[in-house]
Amino acid sequence: MDSLVQDTRILWSTDKDETPVGAGRNVVQGVHQCPLEIRIKFFAVLGRVRKRLNRDEKISVYWWHAPFLYIEVRDTRWRHYPCDLRMLVSFDTTNGKCASSESANQYAFARKGWRSLAKELVGCDVRQYTDCGHPENAESC
């Protein structure tokens, strides 16, 4: 687990969640406050995402109104948002599931190359987006 926290290809948000559930903790502190079972599930999901990265991709992990974590994959070859965003999945720290129908936050989407993993993580098809096809485009799409 700690090897993923130390991995330089995974960027951990230092922003603190100020909701009562987040209690002013940053995402690493929040994950470590979860029950062991939830931490194991979270790091298993994160490990699966990490294994699929290519050399130009990075992962960002951040709170999105605790108890939800977002795991986001960005491709650094793309010079603009939103096309640089390749996959995003919410993780509910109350039930240990990705984009669960039991959760208030069920956000997940993927682009080409990430669709099958997103589907595996969530357990069903996720929203699929295409990109503009121009990685060097400096303008937002």
C-alpha atoms as a PDB file:
ATOM      1  CA  MET A   1       0.000   0.000   0.000  1.00  0.00           C
ATOM      2  CA  ASP A   2       2.684   2.478   0.961  1.00  0.00           C
ATOM      3  CA  SER A   3       4.529   1.809  -2.293  1.00  0.00           C
ATOM      4  CA  LEU A   4       1.570   3.331  -4.148  1.00  0.00           C
ATOM      5  CA  VAL A   5       1.624   6.366  -1.860  1.00  0.00           C
ATOM      6  CA  GLN A   6       5.321   6.812  -2.711  1.00  0.00           C
ATOM      7  CA  ASP A   7       4.890   6.165  -6.467  1.00  0.00           C
ATOM      8  CA  THR A   8       5.878   9.288  -8.439  1.00  0.00           C
ATOM      9  CA  ARG A   9       3.334   8.493 -11.174  1.00  0.00           C
ATOM     10  CA  ILE A  10       0.527   8.942  -8.666  1.00  0.00           C
ATOM     11  CA  LEU A  11      -0.197  12.513  -7.612  1.00  0.00           C
ATOM     12  CA  TRP A  12      -1.991  12.798  -4.277  1.00  0.00           C
ATOM     13  CA  SER A  13      -3.953  15.969  -3.701  1.00  0.00           C
ATOM     14  CA  THR A  14      -2.856  17.959  -0.669  1.00  0.00           C
ATOM     15  CA  ASP A  15      -6.167  19.837  -0.547  1.00  0.00           C
ATOM     16  CA  LYS A  16      -8.077  19.223   2.651  1.00  0.00           C
ATOM     17  CA  ASP A  17     -11.698  18.213   2.608  1.00  0.00           C
ATOM     18  CA  GLU A  18     -13.656  20.473   4.938  1.00  0.00           C
ATOM     19  CA  THR A  19     -16.848  18.430   5.070  1.00  0.00           C
ATOM     20  CA  PRO A  20     -17.624  16.789   8.435  1.00  0.00           C
ATOM     21  CA  VAL A  21     -16.664  13.393   6.977  1.00  0.00           C
ATOM     22  CA  GLY A  22     -13.344  14.714   5.614  1.00  0.00           C
ATOM     23  CA  ALA A  23     -12.631  16.536   8.882  1.00  0.00           C
ATOM     24  CA  GLY A  24      -9.930  18.728   7.364  1.00  0.00           C
ATOM     25  CA  ARG A  25      -7.791  15.806   6.218  1.00  0.00           C
ATOM     26  CA  ASN A  26      -6.010  15.545   2.901  1.00  0.00           C
ATOM     27  CA  VAL A  27      -6.634  12.503   0.727  1.00  0.00           C
ATOM     28  CA  VAL A  28      -3.704  10.411   2.043  1.00  0.00           C
ATOM     29  CA  GLN A  29      -4.755  11.077   5.635  1.00  0.00           C
ATOM     30  CA  GLY A  30      -8.347  10.279   4.700  1.00  0.00           C
ATOM     31  CA  VAL A  31      -7.426   6.964   3.100  1.00  0.00           C
ATOM     32  CA  HIS A  32      -5.360   5.962   6.124  1.00  0.00           C
ATOM     33  CA  GLN A  33      -8.318   6.747   8.405  1.00  0.00           C
ATOM     34  CA  CYS A  34     -10.536   4.260   6.540  1.00  0.00           C
ATOM     35  CA  PRO A  35     -11.118   0.791   7.958  1.00  0.00           C
ATOM     36  CA  LEU A  36      -8.507  -1.724   6.811  1.00  0.00           C
ATOM     37  CA  GLU A  37     -10.978  -3.544   4.531  1.00  0.00           C
ATOM     38  CA  ILE A  38     -11.767  -0.311   2.659  1.00  0.00           C
ATOM     39  CA  ARG A  39      -8.067   0.642   2.400  1.00  0.00           C
ATOM     40  CA  ILE A  40      -7.269  -2.754   0.922  1.00  0.00           C
ATOM     41  CA  LYS A  41     -10.044  -2.374  -1.653  1.00  0.00           C
ATOM     42  CA  PHE A  42      -8.973   1.168  -2.522  1.00  0.00           C
ATOM     43  CA  PHE A  43      -5.312   0.259  -2.988  1.00  0.00           C
ATOM     44  CA  ALA A  44      -6.330  -2.796  -5.063  1.00  0.00           C
ATOM     45  CA  VAL A  45      -8.288  -0.501  -7.399  1.00  0.00           C
ATOM     46  CA  LEU A  46      -5.429   1.998  -7.511  1.00  0.00           C
ATOM     47  CA  GLY A  47      -2.944  -0.795  -8.224  1.00  0.00           C
ATOM     48  CA  ARG A  48      -5.020  -2.037 -11.153  1.00  0.00           C
ATOM     49  CA  VAL A  49      -5.160   1.452 -12.598  1.00  0.00           C
ATOM     50  CA  ARG A  50      -1.409   1.903 -12.060  1.00  0.00           C
ATOM     51  CA  LYS A  51      -0.646  -1.308 -13.971  1.00  0.00           C
ATOM     52  CA  ARG A  52      -2.480   0.013 -17.044  1.00  0.00           C
ATOM     53  CA  LEU A  53      -0.583   3.314 -17.292  1.00  0.00           C
ATOM     54  CA  ASN A  54       1.618   3.934 -20.263  1.00  0.00           C
ATOM     55  CA  ARG A  55       4.790   6.005 -19.878  1.00  0.00           C
ATOM     56  CA  ASP A  56       2.985   9.268 -20.679  1.00  0.00           C
ATOM     57  CA  GLU A  57       0.116   8.877 -18.226  1.00  0.00           C
ATOM     58  CA  LYS A  58      -0.232   9.852 -14.586  1.00  0.00           C
ATOM     59  CA  ILE A  59      -2.829   9.249 -11.893  1.00  0.00           C
ATOM     60  CA  SER A  60      -4.299  11.912  -9.626  1.00  0.00           C
ATOM     61  CA  VAL A  61      -6.167  10.987  -6.453  1.00  0.00           C
ATOM     62  CA  TYR A  62      -8.275  13.538  -4.614  1.00  0.00           C
ATOM     63  CA  TRP A  63     -11.282  14.020  -2.376  1.00  0.00           C
ATOM     64  CA  TRP A  64     -14.527  15.001  -3.973  1.00  0.00           C
ATOM     65  CA  HIS A  65     -16.595  15.820  -0.953  1.00  0.00           C
ATOM     66  CA  ALA A  66     -15.642  13.030   1.448  1.00  0.00           C
ATOM     67  CA  PRO A  67     -16.345  10.128   1.614  1.00  0.00           C
ATOM     68  CA  PHE A  68     -15.710  10.015  -2.147  1.00  0.00           C
ATOM     69  CA  LEU A  69     -12.275   9.742  -3.702  1.00  0.00           C
ATOM     70  CA  TYR A  70     -11.658  10.366  -7.367  1.00  0.00           C
ATOM     71  CA  ILE A  71      -9.058   8.407  -9.286  1.00  0.00           C
ATOM     72  CA  GLU A  72      -8.186  10.229 -12.467  1.00  0.00           C
ATOM     73  CA  VAL A  73      -5.861   9.245 -15.326  1.00  0.00           C
ATOM     74  CA  ARG A  74      -4.335  11.998 -17.454  1.00  0.00           C
ATOM     75  CA  ASP A  75      -2.218  11.653 -20.572  1.00  0.00           C
ATOM     76  CA  THR A  76       0.580  14.233 -20.537  1.00  0.00           C
ATOM     77  CA  ARG A  77       0.883  14.147 -24.350  1.00  0.00           C
ATOM     78  CA  TRP A  78      -2.439  15.951 -24.595  1.00  0.00           C
ATOM     79  CA  ARG A  79      -2.015  19.686 -24.123  1.00  0.00           C
ATOM     80  CA  HIS A  80      -5.574  20.565 -23.192  1.00  0.00           C
ATOM     81  CA  TYR A  81      -8.497  19.706 -20.993  1.00  0.00           C
ATOM     82  CA  PRO A  82     -10.738  17.744 -21.193  1.00  0.00           C
ATOM     83  CA  CYS A  83      -9.057  15.547 -23.808  1.00  0.00           C
ATOM     84  CA  ASP A  84      -6.043  14.897 -21.561  1.00  0.00           C
ATOM     85  CA  LEU A  85      -8.387  13.208 -19.079  1.00  0.00           C
ATOM     86  CA  ARG A  86      -8.493   9.531 -20.061  1.00  0.00           C
ATOM     87  CA  MET A  87     -10.429   7.935 -17.200  1.00  0.00           C
ATOM     88  CA  LEU A  88     -12.091   9.003 -13.984  1.00  0.00           C
ATOM     89  CA  VAL A  89     -13.806   6.855 -11.403  1.00  0.00           C
ATOM     90  CA  SER A  90     -15.239   7.703  -8.001  1.00  0.00           C
ATOM     91  CA  PHE A  91     -14.519   5.446  -5.033  1.00  0.00           C
ATOM     92  CA  ASP A  92     -16.857   5.385  -2.051  1.00  0.00           C
ATOM     93  CA  THR A  93     -14.901   4.966   1.201  1.00  0.00           C
ATOM     94  CA  THR A  94     -18.065   3.886   3.027  1.00  0.00           C
ATOM     95  CA  ASN A  95     -18.635   0.745   0.950  1.00  0.00           C
ATOM     96  CA  GLY A  96     -15.345   0.214  -0.908  1.00  0.00           C
ATOM     97  CA  LYS A  97     -16.914   0.320  -4.374  1.00  0.00           C
ATOM     98  CA  CYS A  98     -16.272   2.282  -7.537  1.00  0.00           C
ATOM     99  CA  ALA A  99     -19.201   4.343  -8.836  1.00  0.00           C
ATOM    100  CA  SER A 100     -21.555   2.109  -6.883  1.00  0.00           C
ATOM    101  CA  SER A 101     -25.302   2.334  -7.380  1.00  0.00           C
ATOM    102  CA  GLU A 102     -25.461   2.307  -3.572  1.00  0.00           C
ATOM    103  CA  SER A 103     -23.503   5.577  -3.413  1.00  0.00           C
ATOM    104  CA  ALA A 104     -24.678   9.148  -3.745  1.00  0.00           C
ATOM    105  CA  ASN A 105     -21.740   9.800  -6.085  1.00  0.00           C
ATOM    106  CA  GLN A 106     -21.562   7.394  -9.032  1.00  0.00           C
ATOM    107  CA  TYR A 107     -19.188   9.112 -11.380  1.00  0.00           C
ATOM    108  CA  ALA A 108     -17.169   7.173 -13.937  1.00  0.00           C
ATOM    109  CA  PHE A 109     -16.128   7.672 -17.542  1.00  0.00           C
ATOM    110  CA  ALA A 110     -13.396   6.539 -19.866  1.00  0.00           C
ATOM    111  CA  ARG A 111     -11.888   7.156 -23.260  1.00  0.00           C
ATOM    112  CA  LYS A 112     -10.336   4.754 -25.756  1.00  0.00           C
ATOM    113  CA  GLY A 113      -7.820   2.452 -24.088  1.00  0.00           C
ATOM    114  CA  TRP A 114      -9.417   2.754 -20.645  1.00  0.00           C
ATOM    115  CA  ARG A 115     -12.978   1.596 -21.257  1.00  0.00           C
ATOM    116  CA  SER A 116     -12.478  -2.060 -20.391  1.00  0.00           C
ATOM    117  CA  LEU A 117     -10.762  -1.341 -17.074  1.00  0.00           C
ATOM    118  CA  ALA A 118     -13.402   1.216 -16.103  1.00  0.00           C
ATOM    119  CA  LYS A 119     -16.104  -1.339 -16.876  1.00  0.00           C
ATOM    120  CA  GLU A 120     -14.311  -3.946 -14.736  1.00  0.00           C
ATOM    121  CA  LEU A 121     -13.937  -1.518 -11.821  1.00  0.00           C
ATOM    122  CA  VAL A 122     -17.548  -0.382 -11.866  1.00  0.00           C
ATOM    123  CA  GLY A 123     -19.176  -3.650 -12.903  1.00  0.00           C
ATOM    124  CA  CYS A 124     -21.061  -2.202 -15.860  1.00  0.00           C
ATOM    125  CA  ASP A 125     -20.533   0.004 -18.892  1.00  0.00           C
ATOM    126  CA  VAL A 126     -19.441   3.549 -18.080  1.00  0.00           C
ATOM    127  CA  ARG A 127     -19.961   6.781 -19.953  1.00  0.00           C
ATOM    128  CA  GLN A 128     -17.615   6.879 -22.945  1.00  0.00           C
ATOM    129  CA  TYR A 129     -16.198  10.078 -24.356  1.00  0.00           C
ATOM    130  CA  THR A 130     -14.248  10.680 -27.510  1.00  0.00           C
ATOM    131  CA  ASP A 131     -11.566  13.337 -27.796  1.00  0.00           C
ATOM    132  CA  CYS A 132     -10.979  16.007 -30.412  1.00  0.00           C
ATOM    133  CA  GLY A 133      -8.173  14.036 -32.071  1.00  0.00           C
ATOM    134  CA  HIS A 134      -5.617  16.847 -31.797  1.00  0.00           C
ATOM    135  CA  PRO A 135      -3.236  16.290 -28.839  1.00  0.00           C
ATOM    136  CA  GLU A 136      -1.317  19.516 -29.520  1.00  0.00           C
ATOM    137  CA  ASN A 137      -4.423  21.714 -29.515  1.00  0.00           C
ATOM    138  CA  ALA A 138      -3.804  24.459 -26.957  1.00  0.00           C
ATOM    139  CA  GLU A 139      -7.457  25.485 -26.858  1.00  0.00           C
ATOM    140  CA  SER A 140     -10.063  23.734 -24.755  1.00  0.00           C
ATOM    141  CA  CYS A 141     -12.454  21.580 -26.695  1.00  0.00           C
END
